């Protein structure tokens, strides 16, 4: 579960912390919100769903954001879309079917040109 609230002086992101191993049913609690460093700014990303997609997507976003300046919202949106697409397209058919059945979500929060 993910939630985001835009306030007058900031953005609040929330995520559950439960991680379930689909094979064994084991449960762990993990941090599902991370900070992505761009050249001059930071972006918050909250994840829910399949960590094989969300973790990999987050790693790709981190890599692509390094040294990049956010000039407008489309810069961040493009990186997120491309990264998630890359995280999914590198999977085999069986894995893609599993992803389609169970899903994965990223909620991204940031300011561009002083607007959330």
PDB file of N, CA and C in Angstrom:
ATOM      1  N   UNK A   1       0.839  -1.166   0.000  1.00  0.00           N
ATOM      2  CA  UNK A   1       0.000   0.000   0.000  1.00  0.00           C
ATOM      3  C   UNK A   1       0.891   1.238   0.000  1.00  0.00           C
ATOM      4  N   UNK A   2       0.512   2.204  -0.818  1.00  0.00           N
ATOM      5  CA  UNK A   2       1.257   3.449  -0.930  1.00  0.00           C
ATOM      6  C   UNK A   2       0.319   4.633  -0.734  1.00  0.00           C
ATOM      7  N   UNK A   3       0.853   5.715  -0.184  1.00  0.00           N
ATOM      8  CA  UNK A   3       0.076   6.945  -0.050  1.00  0.00           C
ATOM      9  C   UNK A   3       1.014   8.130  -0.204  1.00  0.00           C
ATOM     10  N   UNK A   4       0.511   9.179  -0.802  1.00  0.00           N
ATOM     11  CA  UNK A   4       1.271  10.409  -0.947  1.00  0.00           C
ATOM     12  C   UNK A   4       0.374  11.590  -0.666  1.00  0.00           C
ATOM     13  N   UNK A   5       0.902  12.562   0.065  1.00  0.00           N
ATOM     14  CA  UNK A   5       0.147  13.769   0.399  1.00  0.00           C
ATOM     15  C   UNK A   5       1.014  14.975   0.082  1.00  0.00           C
ATOM     16  N   UNK A   6       0.474  15.901  -0.686  1.00  0.00           N
ATOM     17  CA  UNK A   6       1.165  17.152  -0.978  1.00  0.00           C
ATOM     18  C   UNK A   6       0.690  18.174   0.049  1.00  0.00           C
ATOM     19  N   UNK A   7       1.633  18.704   0.823  1.00  0.00           N
ATOM     20  CA  UNK A   7       1.338  19.701   1.849  1.00  0.00           C
ATOM     21  C   UNK A   7       1.849  21.063   1.383  1.00  0.00           C
ATOM     22  N   UNK A   8       1.560  22.099   2.151  1.00  0.00           N
ATOM     23  CA  UNK A   8       1.981  23.446   1.754  1.00  0.00           C
ATOM     24  C   UNK A   8       3.495  23.615   1.782  1.00  0.00           C
ATOM     25  N   UNK A   9       4.196  22.828   2.604  1.00  0.00           N
ATOM     26  CA  UNK A   9       5.647  22.986   2.690  1.00  0.00           C
ATOM     27  C   UNK A   9       6.416  21.680   2.497  1.00  0.00           C
ATOM     28  N   UNK A  10       5.809  20.705   1.823  1.00  0.00           N
ATOM     29  CA  UNK A  10       6.516  19.454   1.579  1.00  0.00           C
ATOM     30  C   UNK A  10       5.597  18.378   1.026  1.00  0.00           C
ATOM     31  N   UNK A  11       6.169  17.204   0.828  1.00  0.00           N
ATOM     32  CA  UNK A  11       5.429  16.052   0.336  1.00  0.00           C
ATOM     33  C   UNK A  11       5.652  14.911   1.330  1.00  0.00           C
ATOM     34  N   UNK A  12       4.587  14.215   1.662  1.00  0.00           N
ATOM     35  CA  UNK A  12       4.672  13.070   2.565  1.00  0.00           C
ATOM     36  C   UNK A  12       4.409  11.802   1.761  1.00  0.00           C
ATOM     37  N   UNK A  13       5.284  10.819   1.909  1.00  0.00           N
ATOM     38  CA  UNK A  13       5.088   9.507   1.288  1.00  0.00           C
ATOM     39  C   UNK A  13       4.978   8.467   2.389  1.00  0.00           C
ATOM     40  N   UNK A  14       4.138   7.472   2.153  1.00  0.00           N
ATOM     41  CA  UNK A  14       4.005   6.369   3.110  1.00  0.00           C
ATOM     42  C   UNK A  14       3.917   5.058   2.348  1.00  0.00           C
ATOM     43  N   UNK A  15       4.465   4.030   2.956  1.00  0.00           N
ATOM     44  CA  UNK A  15       4.438   2.695   2.378  1.00  0.00           C
ATOM     45  C   UNK A  15       4.388   1.684   3.510  1.00  0.00           C
ATOM     46  N   UNK A  16       3.763   0.548   3.248  1.00  0.00           N
ATOM     47  CA  UNK A  16       3.841  -0.528   4.228  1.00  0.00           C
ATOM     48  C   UNK A  16       5.286  -1.023   4.262  1.00  0.00           C
ATOM     49  N   UNK A  17       5.620  -1.847   5.223  1.00  0.00           N
ATOM     50  CA  UNK A  17       6.999  -2.340   5.321  1.00  0.00           C
ATOM     51  C   UNK A  17       7.088  -3.862   5.263  1.00  0.00           C
ATOM     52  N   UNK A  18       5.980  -4.529   4.970  1.00  0.00           N
ATOM     53  CA  UNK A  18       5.961  -5.979   4.954  1.00  0.00           C
ATOM     54  C   UNK A  18       6.492  -6.526   3.628  1.00  0.00           C
ATOM     55  N   UNK A  19       7.408  -7.472   3.719  1.00  0.00           N
ATOM     56  CA  UNK A  19       7.951  -8.164   2.551  1.00  0.00           C
ATOM     57  C   UNK A  19       7.700  -9.650   2.750  1.00  0.00           C
ATOM     58  N   UNK A  20       6.955 -10.254   1.833  1.00  0.00           N
ATOM     59  CA  UNK A  20       6.589 -11.671   1.937  1.00  0.00           C
ATOM     60  C   UNK A  20       7.324 -12.451   0.859  1.00  0.00           C
ATOM     61  N   UNK A  21       7.991 -13.532   1.249  1.00  0.00           N
ATOM     62  CA  UNK A  21       8.627 -14.433   0.289  1.00  0.00           C
ATOM     63  C   UNK A  21       7.535 -15.310  -0.302  1.00  0.00           C
ATOM     64  N   UNK A  22       7.304 -15.187  -1.615  1.00  0.00           N
ATOM     65  CA  UNK A  22       6.208 -15.904  -2.270  1.00  0.00           C
ATOM     66  C   UNK A  22       6.386 -17.420  -2.206  1.00  0.00           C
ATOM     67  N   UNK A  23       7.612 -17.881  -2.149  1.00  0.00           N
ATOM     68  CA  UNK A  23       7.858 -19.321  -2.116  1.00  0.00           C
ATOM     69  C   UNK A  23       7.642 -19.920  -0.730  1.00  0.00           C
ATOM     70  N   UNK A  24       8.228 -19.299   0.285  1.00  0.00           N
ATOM     71  CA  UNK A  24       8.178 -19.879   1.624  1.00  0.00           C
ATOM     72  C   UNK A  24       7.094 -19.290   2.513  1.00  0.00           C
ATOM     73  N   UNK A  25       6.614 -18.106   2.171  1.00  0.00           N
ATOM     74  CA  UNK A  25       5.635 -17.433   3.019  1.00  0.00           C
ATOM     75  C   UNK A  25       6.277 -16.663   4.162  1.00  0.00           C
ATOM     76  N   UNK A  26       7.620 -16.682   4.236  1.00  0.00           N
ATOM     77  CA  UNK A  26       8.321 -15.939   5.285  1.00  0.00           C
ATOM     78  C   UNK A  26       8.031 -14.452   5.152  1.00  0.00           C
ATOM     79  N   UNK A  27       7.941 -13.786   6.304  1.00  0.00           N
ATOM     80  CA  UNK A  27       7.667 -12.359   6.318  1.00  0.00           C
ATOM     81  C   UNK A  27       8.806 -11.614   6.984  1.00  0.00           C
ATOM     82  N   UNK A  28       9.173 -10.490   6.397  1.00  0.00           N
ATOM     83  CA  UNK A  28      10.190  -9.601   6.948  1.00  0.00           C
ATOM     84  C   UNK A  28       9.681  -8.175   6.838  1.00  0.00           C
ATOM     85  N   UNK A  29      10.279  -7.305   7.611  1.00  0.00           N
ATOM     86  CA  UNK A  29       9.926  -5.887   7.530  1.00  0.00           C
ATOM     87  C   UNK A  29      11.129  -5.137   6.980  1.00  0.00           C
ATOM     88  N   UNK A  30      10.890  -4.350   5.925  1.00  0.00           N
ATOM     89  CA  UNK A  30      11.958  -3.635   5.244  1.00  0.00           C
ATOM     90  C   UNK A  30      11.516  -2.207   4.963  1.00  0.00           C
ATOM     91  N   UNK A  31      12.492  -1.352   4.669  1.00  0.00           N
ATOM     92  CA  UNK A  31      12.220   0.026   4.281  1.00  0.00           C
ATOM     93  C   UNK A  31      11.899   0.043   2.796  1.00  0.00           C
ATOM     94  N   UNK A  32      10.747   0.536   2.437  1.00  0.00           N
ATOM     95  CA  UNK A  32      10.332   0.566   1.040  1.00  0.00           C
ATOM     96  C   UNK A  32      10.285   1.975   0.470  1.00  0.00           C
ATOM     97  N   UNK A  33      10.928   2.910   1.141  1.00  0.00           N
ATOM     98  CA  UNK A  33      11.032   4.279   0.632  1.00  0.00           C
ATOM     99  C   UNK A  33      12.510   4.600   0.500  1.00  0.00           C
ATOM    100  N   UNK A  34      12.886   5.106  -0.677  1.00  0.00           N
ATOM    101  CA  UNK A  34      14.289   5.436  -0.900  1.00  0.00           C
ATOM    102  C   UNK A  34      14.423   6.835  -1.499  1.00  0.00           C
ATOM    103  N   UNK A  35      15.621   7.361  -1.404  1.00  0.00           N
ATOM    104  CA  UNK A  35      15.939   8.683  -1.938  1.00  0.00           C
ATOM    105  C   UNK A  35      16.828   8.503  -3.164  1.00  0.00           C
ATOM    106  N   UNK A  36      16.453   9.163  -4.248  1.00  0.00           N
ATOM    107  CA  UNK A  36      17.245   9.133  -5.472  1.00  0.00           C
ATOM    108  C   UNK A  36      17.914  10.492  -5.619  1.00  0.00           C
ATOM    109  N   UNK A  37      19.236  10.484  -5.759  1.00  0.00           N
ATOM    110  CA  UNK A  37      19.986  11.724  -5.905  1.00  0.00           C
ATOM    111  C   UNK A  37      20.171  12.083  -7.367  1.00  0.00           C
ATOM    112  N   UNK A  38      19.625  13.235  -7.738  1.00  0.00           N
ATOM    113  CA  UNK A  38      19.896  13.832  -9.039  1.00  0.00           C
ATOM    114  C   UNK A  38      21.024  14.837  -8.827  1.00  0.00           C
ATOM    115  N   UNK A  39      21.382  15.586  -9.833  1.00  0.00           N
ATOM    116  CA  UNK A  39      22.495  16.523  -9.733  1.00  0.00           C
ATOM    117  C   UNK A  39      22.289  17.534  -8.603  1.00  0.00           C
ATOM    118  N   UNK A  40      21.154  18.209  -8.591  1.00  0.00           N
ATOM    119  CA  UNK A  40      20.902  19.255  -7.597  1.00  0.00           C
ATOM    120  C   UNK A  40      19.710  18.969  -6.688  1.00  0.00           C
ATOM    121  N   UNK A  41      18.985  17.919  -6.968  1.00  0.00           N
ATOM    122  CA  UNK A  41      17.748  17.632  -6.254  1.00  0.00           C
ATOM    123  C   UNK A  41      17.684  16.175  -5.825  1.00  0.00           C
ATOM    124  N   UNK A  42      16.690  15.889  -5.002  1.00  0.00           N
ATOM    125  CA  UNK A  42      16.425  14.520  -4.593  1.00  0.00           C
ATOM    126  C   UNK A  42      14.966  14.177  -4.872  1.00  0.00           C
ATOM    127  N   UNK A  43      14.726  12.913  -5.165  1.00  0.00           N
ATOM    128  CA  UNK A  43      13.395  12.405  -5.455  1.00  0.00           C
ATOM    129  C   UNK A  43      13.131  11.254  -4.497  1.00  0.00           C
ATOM    130  N   UNK A  44      11.926  11.194  -3.944  1.00  0.00           N
ATOM    131  CA  UNK A  44      11.538  10.089  -3.073  1.00  0.00           C
ATOM    132  C   UNK A  44      10.767   9.059  -3.881  1.00  0.00           C
ATOM    133  N   UNK A  45      11.055   7.788  -3.627  1.00  0.00           N
ATOM    134  CA  UNK A  45      10.342   6.706  -4.289  1.00  0.00           C
ATOM    135  C   UNK A  45       9.866   5.715  -3.238  1.00  0.00           C
ATOM    136  N   UNK A  46       8.563   5.433  -3.255  1.00  0.00           N
ATOM    137  CA  UNK A  46       7.978   4.419  -2.381  1.00  0.00           C
ATOM    138  C   UNK A  46       7.594   3.232  -3.251  1.00  0.00           C
ATOM    139  N   UNK A  47       7.802   2.009  -2.746  1.00  0.00           N
ATOM    140  CA  UNK A  47       7.509   0.803  -3.527  1.00  0.00           C
ATOM    141  C   UNK A  47       6.476  -0.072  -2.848  1.00  0.00           C
ATOM    142  N   UNK A  48       5.717  -0.765  -3.689  1.00  0.00           N
ATOM    143  CA  UNK A  48       4.776  -1.779  -3.213  1.00  0.00           C
ATOM    144  C   UNK A  48       4.681  -2.859  -4.283  1.00  0.00           C
ATOM    145  N   UNK A  49       4.401  -4.061  -3.864  1.00  0.00           N
ATOM    146  CA  UNK A  49       4.273  -5.158  -4.817  1.00  0.00           C
ATOM    147  C   UNK A  49       5.556  -5.951  -4.940  1.00  0.00           C
ATOM    148  N   UNK A  50       5.761  -6.513  -6.116  1.00  0.00           N
ATOM    149  CA  UNK A  50       6.890  -7.424  -6.331  1.00  0.00           C
ATOM    150  C   UNK A  50       8.236  -6.718  -6.246  1.00  0.00           C
ATOM    151  N   UNK A  51       9.060  -7.073  -5.263  1.00  0.00           N
ATOM    152  CA  UNK A  51      10.361  -6.419  -5.126  1.00  0.00           C
ATOM    153  C   UNK A  51      11.316  -6.730  -6.280  1.00  0.00           C
ATOM    154  N   UNK A  52      11.091  -7.831  -6.984  1.00  0.00           N
ATOM    155  CA  UNK A  52      11.965  -8.111  -8.137  1.00  0.00           C
ATOM    156  C   UNK A  52      11.813  -7.043  -9.199  1.00  0.00           C
ATOM    157  N   UNK A  53      10.672  -6.404  -9.241  1.00  0.00           N
ATOM    158  CA  UNK A  53      10.450  -5.306 -10.185  1.00  0.00           C
ATOM    159  C   UNK A  53      10.786  -3.973  -9.535  1.00  0.00           C
ATOM    160  N   UNK A  54      10.249  -3.731  -8.330  1.00  0.00           N
ATOM    161  CA  UNK A  54      10.426  -2.424  -7.703  1.00  0.00           C
ATOM    162  C   UNK A  54      11.874  -2.166  -7.300  1.00  0.00           C
ATOM    163  N   UNK A  55      12.549  -3.180  -6.735  1.00  0.00           N
ATOM    164  CA  UNK A  55      13.956  -3.000  -6.371  1.00  0.00           C
ATOM    165  C   UNK A  55      14.824  -2.771  -7.594  1.00  0.00           C
ATOM    166  N   UNK A  56      14.620  -3.602  -8.611  1.00  0.00           N
ATOM    167  CA  UNK A  56      15.410  -3.463  -9.839  1.00  0.00           C
ATOM    168  C   UNK A  56      15.115  -2.133 -10.516  1.00  0.00           C
ATOM    169  N   UNK A  57      13.836  -1.759 -10.575  1.00  0.00           N
ATOM    170  CA  UNK A  57      13.479  -0.455 -11.147  1.00  0.00           C
ATOM    171  C   UNK A  57      14.138   0.679 -10.386  1.00  0.00           C
ATOM    172  N   UNK A  58      14.140   0.582  -9.052  1.00  0.00           N
ATOM    173  CA  UNK A  58      14.796   1.607  -8.226  1.00  0.00           C
ATOM    174  C   UNK A  58      16.289   1.699  -8.477  1.00  0.00           C
ATOM    175  N   UNK A  59      16.941   0.548  -8.641  1.00  0.00           N
ATOM    176  CA  UNK A  59      18.382   0.538  -8.936  1.00  0.00           C
ATOM    177  C   UNK A  59      18.666   1.226 -10.275  1.00  0.00           C
ATOM    178  N   UNK A  60      17.839   0.952 -11.261  1.00  0.00           N
ATOM    179  CA  UNK A  60      18.035   1.558 -12.585  1.00  0.00           C
ATOM    180  C   UNK A  60      17.781   3.065 -12.518  1.00  0.00           C
ATOM    181  N   UNK A  61      16.749   3.463 -11.780  1.00  0.00           N
ATOM    182  CA  UNK A  61      16.464   4.896 -11.609  1.00  0.00           C
ATOM    183  C   UNK A  61      17.659   5.589 -10.967  1.00  0.00           C
ATOM    184  N   UNK A  62      18.217   4.979  -9.898  1.00  0.00           N
ATOM    185  CA  UNK A  62      19.390   5.557  -9.226  1.00  0.00           C
ATOM    186  C   UNK A  62      20.533   5.776 -10.212  1.00  0.00           C
ATOM    187  N   UNK A  63      20.789   4.764 -11.026  1.00  0.00           N
ATOM    188  CA  UNK A  63      21.893   4.841 -11.990  1.00  0.00           C
ATOM    189  C   UNK A  63      21.655   5.942 -13.025  1.00  0.00           C
ATOM    190  N   UNK A  64      20.448   6.013 -13.563  1.00  0.00           N
ATOM    191  CA  UNK A  64      20.142   6.986 -14.619  1.00  0.00           C
ATOM    192  C   UNK A  64      20.078   8.419 -14.095  1.00  0.00           C
ATOM    193  N   UNK A  65      19.766   8.585 -12.815  1.00  0.00           N
ATOM    194  CA  UNK A  65      19.614   9.922 -12.241  1.00  0.00           C
ATOM    195  C   UNK A  65      20.954  10.589 -11.909  1.00  0.00           C
ATOM    196  N   UNK A  66      21.985   9.785 -11.695  1.00  0.00           N
ATOM    197  CA  UNK A  66      23.286  10.326 -11.293  1.00  0.00           C
ATOM    198  C   UNK A  66      23.763  11.419 -12.241  1.00  0.00           C
ATOM    199  N   UNK A  67      23.988  12.604 -11.694  1.00  0.00           N
ATOM    200  CA  UNK A  67      24.535  13.704 -12.478  1.00  0.00           C
ATOM    201  C   UNK A  67      23.540  14.410 -13.375  1.00  0.00           C
ATOM    202  N   UNK A  68      22.272  14.014 -13.330  1.00  0.00           N
ATOM    203  CA  UNK A  68      21.258  14.595 -14.204  1.00  0.00           C
ATOM    204  C   UNK A  68      20.514  15.706 -13.477  1.00  0.00           C
ATOM    205  N   UNK A  69      20.279  16.810 -14.172  1.00  0.00           N
ATOM    206  CA  UNK A  69      19.561  17.947 -13.593  1.00  0.00           C
ATOM    207  C   UNK A  69      18.074  17.830 -13.927  1.00  0.00           C
ATOM    208  N   UNK A  70      17.229  18.068 -12.921  1.00  0.00           N
ATOM    209  CA  UNK A  70      15.781  18.075 -13.144  1.00  0.00           C
ATOM    210  C   UNK A  70      15.403  19.467 -13.639  1.00  0.00           C
ATOM    211  N   UNK A  71      15.067  19.567 -14.915  1.00  0.00           N
ATOM    212  CA  UNK A  71      14.653  20.846 -15.491  1.00  0.00           C
ATOM    213  C   UNK A  71      13.140  21.008 -15.462  1.00  0.00           C
ATOM    214  N   UNK A  72      12.428  19.896 -15.527  1.00  0.00           N
ATOM    215  CA  UNK A  72      10.975  19.882 -15.359  1.00  0.00           C
ATOM    216  C   UNK A  72      10.543  18.459 -15.017  1.00  0.00           C
ATOM    217  N   UNK A  73       9.261  18.295 -14.732  1.00  0.00           N
ATOM    218  CA  UNK A  73       8.741  17.002 -14.276  1.00  0.00           C
ATOM    219  C   UNK A  73       8.970  15.893 -15.293  1.00  0.00           C
ATOM    220  N   UNK A  74       8.989  16.223 -16.569  1.00  0.00           N
ATOM    221  CA  UNK A  74       9.128  15.190 -17.602  1.00  0.00           C
ATOM    222  C   UNK A  74      10.463  14.449 -17.510  1.00  0.00           C
ATOM    223  N   UNK A  75      11.492  15.091 -16.984  1.00  0.00           N
ATOM    224  CA  UNK A  75      12.803  14.441 -16.825  1.00  0.00           C
ATOM    225  C   UNK A  75      12.682  13.248 -15.876  1.00  0.00           C
ATOM    226  N   UNK A  76      12.051  13.458 -14.738  1.00  0.00           N
ATOM    227  CA  UNK A  76      11.886  12.393 -13.743  1.00  0.00           C
ATOM    228  C   UNK A  76      10.927  11.325 -14.266  1.00  0.00           C
ATOM    229  N   UNK A  77       9.832  11.758 -14.840  1.00  0.00           N
ATOM    230  CA  UNK A  77       8.828  10.812 -15.348  1.00  0.00           C
ATOM    231  C   UNK A  77       9.441   9.893 -16.396  1.00  0.00           C
ATOM    232  N   UNK A  78      10.216  10.441 -17.304  1.00  0.00           N
ATOM    233  CA  UNK A  78      10.852   9.631 -18.359  1.00  0.00           C
ATOM    234  C   UNK A  78      11.811   8.605 -17.758  1.00  0.00           C
ATOM    235  N   UNK A  79      12.631   9.019 -16.805  1.00  0.00           N
ATOM    236  CA  UNK A  79      13.571   8.091 -16.167  1.00  0.00           C
ATOM    237  C   UNK A  79      12.824   6.966 -15.457  1.00  0.00           C
ATOM    238  N   UNK A  80      11.768   7.293 -14.729  1.00  0.00           N
ATOM    239  CA  UNK A  80      10.999   6.279 -14.013  1.00  0.00           C
ATOM    240  C   UNK A  80      10.350   5.309 -15.000  1.00  0.00           C
ATOM    241  N   UNK A  81       9.691   5.834 -16.023  1.00  0.00           N
ATOM    242  CA  UNK A  81       9.033   4.966 -17.010  1.00  0.00           C
ATOM    243  C   UNK A  81      10.035   4.057 -17.715  1.00  0.00           C
ATOM    244  N   UNK A  82      11.152   4.627 -18.160  1.00  0.00           N
ATOM    245  CA  UNK A  82      12.175   3.832 -18.853  1.00  0.00           C
ATOM    246  C   UNK A  82      12.774   2.767 -17.936  1.00  0.00           C
ATOM    247  N   UNK A  83      12.995   3.123 -16.688  1.00  0.00           N
ATOM    248  CA  UNK A  83      13.611   2.195 -15.738  1.00  0.00           C
ATOM    249  C   UNK A  83      12.700   1.031 -15.403  1.00  0.00           C
ATOM    250  N   UNK A  84      11.435   1.305 -15.178  1.00  0.00           N
ATOM    251  CA  UNK A  84      10.482   0.230 -14.886  1.00  0.00           C
ATOM    252  C   UNK A  84      10.327  -0.670 -16.109  1.00  0.00           C
ATOM    253  N   UNK A  85      10.252  -0.063 -17.270  1.00  0.00           N
ATOM    254  CA  UNK A  85      10.154  -0.847 -18.505  1.00  0.00           C
ATOM    255  C   UNK A  85      11.362  -1.764 -18.654  1.00  0.00           C
ATOM    256  N   UNK A  86      12.546  -1.235 -18.394  1.00  0.00           N
ATOM    257  CA  UNK A  86      13.775  -2.041 -18.476  1.00  0.00           C
ATOM    258  C   UNK A  86      13.758  -3.169 -17.452  1.00  0.00           C
ATOM    259  N   UNK A  87      13.277  -2.887 -16.243  1.00  0.00           N
ATOM    260  CA  UNK A  87      13.227  -3.909 -15.193  1.00  0.00           C
ATOM    261  C   UNK A  87      12.293  -5.057 -15.574  1.00  0.00           C
ATOM    262  N   UNK A  88      11.255  -4.747 -16.336  1.00  0.00           N
ATOM    263  CA  UNK A  88      10.294  -5.785 -16.725  1.00  0.00           C
ATOM    264  C   UNK A  88      10.720  -6.503 -17.999  1.00  0.00           C
ATOM    265  N   UNK A  89      11.198  -5.764 -18.991  1.00  0.00           N
ATOM    266  CA  UNK A  89      11.514  -6.382 -20.286  1.00  0.00           C
ATOM    267  C   UNK A  89      12.686  -7.350 -20.214  1.00  0.00           C
ATOM    268  N   UNK A  90      13.495  -7.259 -19.185  1.00  0.00           N
ATOM    269  CA  UNK A  90      14.628  -8.177 -19.055  1.00  0.00           C
ATOM    270  C   UNK A  90      14.201  -9.520 -18.458  1.00  0.00           C
ATOM    271  N   UNK A  91      12.921  -9.687 -18.149  1.00  0.00           N
ATOM    272  CA  UNK A  91      12.408 -10.925 -17.563  1.00  0.00           C
ATOM    273  C   UNK A  91      11.955 -11.893 -18.653  1.00  0.00           C
ATOM    274  N   UNK A  92      11.929 -13.180 -18.318  1.00  0.00           N
ATOM    275  CA  UNK A  92      11.417 -14.163 -19.278  1.00  0.00           C
ATOM    276  C   UNK A  92       9.887 -14.165 -19.232  1.00  0.00           C
ATOM    277  N   UNK A  93       9.247 -14.908 -20.133  1.00  0.00           N
ATOM    278  CA  UNK A  93       7.787 -14.897 -20.253  1.00  0.00           C
ATOM    279  C   UNK A  93       7.095 -15.318 -18.963  1.00  0.00           C
ATOM    280  N   UNK A  94       7.593 -16.364 -18.326  1.00  0.00           N
ATOM    281  CA  UNK A  94       6.982 -16.842 -17.086  1.00  0.00           C
ATOM    282  C   UNK A  94       7.038 -15.745 -16.009  1.00  0.00           C
ATOM    283  N   UNK A  95       8.170 -15.070 -15.897  1.00  0.00           N
ATOM    284  CA  UNK A  95       8.317 -13.994 -14.921  1.00  0.00           C
ATOM    285  C   UNK A  95       7.394 -12.822 -15.256  1.00  0.00           C
ATOM    286  N   UNK A  96       7.282 -12.483 -16.540  1.00  0.00           N
ATOM    287  CA  UNK A  96       6.396 -11.387 -16.953  1.00  0.00           C
ATOM    288  C   UNK A  96       4.942 -11.713 -16.627  1.00  0.00           C
ATOM    289  N   UNK A  97       4.545 -12.956 -16.843  1.00  0.00           N
ATOM    290  CA  UNK A  97       3.181 -13.375 -16.506  1.00  0.00           C
ATOM    291  C   UNK A  97       2.933 -13.232 -15.002  1.00  0.00           C
ATOM    292  N   UNK A  98       3.921 -13.621 -14.197  1.00  0.00           N
ATOM    293  CA  UNK A  98       3.808 -13.508 -12.741  1.00  0.00           C
ATOM    294  C   UNK A  98       3.672 -12.034 -12.341  1.00  0.00           C
ATOM    295  N   UNK A  99       4.462 -11.180 -12.960  1.00  0.00           N
ATOM    296  CA  UNK A  99       4.396  -9.737 -12.678  1.00  0.00           C
ATOM    297  C   UNK A  99       3.018  -9.200 -13.028  1.00  0.00           C
ATOM    298  N   UNK A 100       2.493  -9.594 -14.173  1.00  0.00           N
ATOM    299  CA  UNK A 100       1.168  -9.126 -14.590  1.00  0.00           C
ATOM    300  C   UNK A 100       0.071  -9.587 -13.635  1.00  0.00           C
ATOM    301  N   UNK A 101       0.239 -10.770 -13.055  1.00  0.00           N
ATOM    302  CA  UNK A 101      -0.765 -11.292 -12.123  1.00  0.00           C
ATOM    303  C   UNK A 101      -0.700 -10.607 -10.763  1.00  0.00           C
ATOM    304  N   UNK A 102       0.506 -10.263 -10.307  1.00  0.00           N
ATOM    305  CA  UNK A 102       0.667  -9.787  -8.932  1.00  0.00           C
ATOM    306  C   UNK A 102       0.982  -8.302  -8.811  1.00  0.00           C
ATOM    307  N   UNK A 103       1.553  -7.710  -9.819  1.00  0.00           N
ATOM    308  CA  UNK A 103       1.746  -6.266  -9.848  1.00  0.00           C
ATOM    309  C   UNK A 103       2.893  -5.717  -9.025  1.00  0.00           C
ATOM    310  N   UNK A 104       3.224  -4.511  -9.362  1.00  0.00           N
ATOM    311  CA  UNK A 104       4.262  -3.752  -8.667  1.00  0.00           C
ATOM    312  C   UNK A 104       3.957  -2.277  -8.879  1.00  0.00           C
ATOM    313  N   UNK A 105       4.211  -1.470  -7.867  1.00  0.00           N
ATOM    314  CA  UNK A 105       3.917  -0.047  -7.955  1.00  0.00           C
ATOM    315  C   UNK A 105       5.064   0.769  -7.390  1.00  0.00           C
ATOM    316  N   UNK A 106       5.289   1.919  -8.013  1.00  0.00           N
ATOM    317  CA  UNK A 106       6.216   2.919  -7.501  1.00  0.00           C
ATOM    318  C   UNK A 106       5.447   4.230  -7.396  1.00  0.00           C
ATOM    319  N   UNK A 107       5.619   4.926  -6.287  1.00  0.00           N
ATOM    320  CA  UNK A 107       5.056   6.255  -6.114  1.00  0.00           C
ATOM    321  C   UNK A 107       6.239   7.201  -5.997  1.00  0.00           C
ATOM    322  N   UNK A 108       6.285   8.198  -6.862  1.00  0.00           N
ATOM    323  CA  UNK A 108       7.431   9.092  -6.953  1.00  0.00           C
ATOM    324  C   UNK A 108       6.998  10.492  -6.526  1.00  0.00           C
ATOM    325  N   UNK A 109       7.792  11.113  -5.656  1.00  0.00           N
ATOM    326  CA  UNK A 109       7.475  12.461  -5.170  1.00  0.00           C
ATOM    327  C   UNK A 109       8.694  13.359  -5.334  1.00  0.00           C
ATOM    328  N   UNK A 110       8.458  14.560  -5.887  1.00  0.00           N
ATOM    329  CA  UNK A 110       9.567  15.490  -6.092  1.00  0.00           C
ATOM    330  C   UNK A 110       9.029  16.882  -6.411  1.00  0.00           C
ATOM    331  N   UNK A 111       9.907  17.837  -6.358  1.00  0.00           N
ATOM    332  CA  UNK A 111       9.607  19.200  -6.763  1.00  0.00           C
ATOM    333  C   UNK A 111      10.312  19.480  -8.082  1.00  0.00           C
ATOM    334  N   UNK A 112       9.621  20.151  -8.983  1.00  0.00           N
ATOM    335  CA  UNK A 112      10.210  20.620 -10.229  1.00  0.00           C
ATOM    336  C   UNK A 112       9.771  22.060 -10.418  1.00  0.00           C
ATOM    337  N   UNK A 113      10.734  22.935 -10.579  1.00  0.00           N
ATOM    338  CA  UNK A 113      10.429  24.379 -10.697  1.00  0.00           C
ATOM    339  C   UNK A 113       9.603  24.876  -9.534  1.00  0.00           C
ATOM    340  N   UNK A 114       9.983  24.461  -8.321  1.00  0.00           N
ATOM    341  CA  UNK A 114       9.348  24.869  -7.061  1.00  0.00           C
ATOM    342  C   UNK A 114       7.900  24.401  -6.904  1.00  0.00           C
ATOM    343  N   UNK A 115       7.485  23.409  -7.692  1.00  0.00           N
ATOM    344  CA  UNK A 115       6.130  22.870  -7.563  1.00  0.00           C
ATOM    345  C   UNK A 115       6.211  21.363  -7.340  1.00  0.00           C
ATOM    346  N   UNK A 116       5.381  20.837  -6.399  1.00  0.00           N
ATOM    347  CA  UNK A 116       5.388  19.390  -6.170  1.00  0.00           C
ATOM    348  C   UNK A 116       4.772  18.629  -7.336  1.00  0.00           C
TER     349      UNK A 116
END
